[in-house]
Protein backbone atom coordinates (compact mmCIF):
# COMPACT_ATOMS: atom_id res chain seq x y z
CA UNK A 1 12.52 3.81 0.48
CA UNK A 2 13.47 3.73 -3.21
CA UNK A 3 11.66 5.94 -5.41
CA UNK A 4 11.70 2.96 -8.10
CA UNK A 5 9.39 1.07 -5.71
CA UNK A 6 6.34 3.44 -6.61
CA UNK A 7 3.76 3.72 -9.36
CA UNK A 8 1.02 5.67 -10.21
CA UNK A 9 -1.98 5.28 -7.61
CA UNK A 10 0.28 4.24 -4.77
CA UNK A 11 -0.79 5.79 -1.42
CA UNK A 12 1.81 7.49 0.77
CA UNK A 13 2.00 9.92 3.72
CA UNK A 14 2.83 13.38 3.19
CA UNK A 15 2.55 16.05 6.31
CA UNK A 16 0.76 13.37 8.23
CA UNK A 17 -2.11 12.63 5.58
CA UNK A 18 -2.41 9.95 2.89
CA UNK A 19 -1.99 10.89 -0.63
CA UNK A 20 -2.06 9.48 -4.13
CA UNK A 21 1.06 9.46 -6.42
CA UNK A 22 -0.24 10.65 -9.76
CA UNK A 23 2.94 11.63 -11.49
CA UNK A 24 6.96 11.49 -11.60
CA UNK A 25 9.80 13.91 -12.43
CA UNK A 26 12.75 11.44 -12.25
CA UNK A 27 15.99 13.53 -12.88
CA UNK A 28 19.07 11.63 -13.71
CA UNK A 29 21.59 13.84 -12.08
CA UNK A 30 19.95 14.05 -8.61
CA UNK A 31 18.84 11.84 -5.87
CA UNK A 32 16.03 14.17 -4.98
CA UNK A 33 13.28 13.35 -7.27
CA UNK A 34 9.94 15.20 -7.50
CA UNK A 35 6.90 13.27 -6.98
CA UNK A 36 3.38 14.72 -8.12
CA UNK A 37 0.79 13.83 -5.44
CA UNK A 38 -2.97 14.57 -5.36
CA UNK A 39 -3.90 16.29 -2.29
CA UNK A 40 -7.52 16.76 -1.94
CA UNK A 41 -8.55 18.37 -5.39
CA UNK A 42 -4.88 19.61 -5.87
CA UNK A 43 -2.00 18.27 -7.46
CA UNK A 44 1.20 19.38 -6.30
CA UNK A 45 4.99 18.29 -6.74
CA UNK A 46 6.80 17.45 -3.52
CA UNK A 47 10.25 16.20 -3.11
CA UNK A 48 10.46 12.47 -2.76
CA UNK A 49 12.47 12.82 0.65
CA UNK A 50 9.33 14.20 2.12
CA UNK A 51 7.01 11.18 1.48
CA UNK A 52 6.71 8.38 3.86
CA UNK A 53 5.47 4.89 3.48
CA UNK A 54 2.02 3.95 4.99
CA UNK A 55 2.53 1.05 7.46
CA UNK A 56 0.26 -1.70 6.62
CA UNK A 57 -1.93 -2.39 9.65
CA UNK A 58 -5.27 -4.33 10.60
CA UNK A 59 -6.96 -1.19 10.22
CA UNK A 60 -5.68 -0.89 6.69
CA UNK A 61 -6.69 -4.19 5.68
CA UNK A 62 -10.32 -3.64 6.87
CA UNK A 63 -10.43 -0.21 4.86
CA UNK A 64 -9.44 -2.28 1.73
CA UNK A 65 -12.37 -4.67 2.53
CA UNK A 66 -10.43 -7.70 3.35
CA UNK A 67 -11.91 -9.99 5.90
CA UNK A 68 -10.35 -11.26 9.00
CA UNK A 69 -10.29 -14.91 8.63
CA UNK A 70 -8.27 -16.27 11.46
CA UNK A 71 -6.92 -14.83 15.05
CA UNK A 72 -4.85 -16.21 17.71
CA UNK A 73 -2.34 -15.16 20.01
CA UNK A 74 0.40 -15.28 17.66
CA UNK A 75 -1.09 -14.38 14.30
CA UNK A 76 -3.96 -12.38 12.46
CA UNK A 77 -4.97 -13.63 9.02
CA UNK A 78 -6.64 -11.83 6.40
CA UNK A 79 -8.09 -13.09 2.98
CA UNK A 80 -7.13 -11.37 -0.04
CA UNK A 81 -9.67 -12.91 -2.46
CA UNK A 82 -8.63 -14.54 -5.53
CA UNK A 83 -4.90 -14.05 -4.71
CA UNK A 84 -3.82 -15.27 -1.33
CA UNK A 85 -3.54 -14.25 2.34
CA UNK A 86 -1.89 -11.74 4.49
CA UNK A 87 -0.64 -12.60 8.00
CA UNK A 88 0.36 -10.34 10.72
CA UNK A 89 2.87 -12.21 13.05
CA UNK A 90 2.36 -10.83 16.58
CA UNK A 91 5.48 -12.42 17.94
CA UNK A 92 8.94 -10.57 18.12
CA UNK A 93 10.35 -12.43 15.55
CA UNK A 94 7.94 -11.78 12.59
CA UNK A 95 8.64 -14.86 10.96
CA UNK A 96 5.41 -15.61 9.46
CA UNK A 97 4.26 -12.21 8.29
CA UNK A 98 3.41 -10.84 5.03
CA UNK A 99 1.47 -11.71 1.81
CA UNK A 100 1.07 -15.63 1.65
CA UNK A 101 1.29 -16.74 -1.85
CA UNK A 102 1.71 -20.37 -3.11
CA UNK A 103 3.02 -21.27 0.31
CA UNK A 104 5.64 -18.47 0.52
CA UNK A 105 5.57 -15.34 2.53
CA UNK A 106 6.51 -11.97 0.63
CA UNK A 107 7.55 -9.36 3.06
CA UNK A 108 5.30 -6.59 2.73
CA UNK A 109 5.38 -4.02 5.45
CA UNK A 110 3.86 -1.18 3.68
CA UNK A 111 0.47 -0.29 1.85
CA UNK A 112 2.39 0.64 -1.52
CA UNK A 113 3.95 -2.75 -1.48
CA UNK A 114 0.54 -4.55 -1.23
CA UNK A 115 -0.77 -2.35 -3.97
CA UNK A 116 1.85 -3.33 -6.24
CA UNK A 117 1.59 -7.12 -5.50
CA UNK A 118 -2.28 -6.81 -6.07
CA UNK A 119 -1.73 -5.02 -9.36
CA UNK A 120 0.74 -7.62 -10.57
CA UNK A 121 -1.37 -10.62 -9.67
CA UNK A 122 -4.86 -9.43 -10.31
CA UNK A 123 -4.04 -6.83 -13.32
CA UNK A 124 -6.22 -4.10 -11.39
CA UNK A 125 -5.85 -1.56 -8.92
CA UNK A 126 -6.44 -2.38 -5.29
CA UNK A 127 -9.55 -0.42 -4.06
CA UNK A 128 -10.07 1.18 -0.72
CA UNK A 129 -13.65 1.08 0.97
CA UNK A 130 -14.95 4.03 2.76
CA UNK A 131 -17.60 4.20 5.16
CA UNK A 132 -20.04 5.40 2.55
CA UNK A 133 -18.60 4.58 -0.80
CA UNK A 134 -15.99 2.48 -2.75
CA UNK A 135 -13.04 4.81 -3.69
CA UNK A 136 -10.95 3.70 -6.60
CA UNK A 137 -7.50 4.96 -6.86
CA UNK A 138 -8.16 5.17 -10.61
CA UNK A 139 -10.78 7.91 -9.90
CA UNK A 140 -8.17 10.02 -7.74
CA UNK A 141 -5.73 9.92 -10.53
């Protein structure tokens, strides 16, 4: 993981829970940058090295409100409305896995990568659906 991959609003893991990136302190003379995260109602600065990416799974696709459109022994596909599809390749090769856009697969293994692609293509934040309400990352920032 590289700190340059992240933008405000990305979800990452810190001490086993999902947190939102709300700020950066990128020092030029060190490799250990501080990232400001939202943890509950508290904003705290943590070392970049303590943050982990959130693996993109079928459960996350459902939380994001994407609908499963195809399932076979080798693949699960989700529609990402207005911009493309996301395929999980269930084979060991993982050749046909990622965000499918204009006939090409963009390897996208982590949630923050999908958030970034979505923002670039749609010009808006990817929203997460909870069981009771729609939670926008803009609200968390």
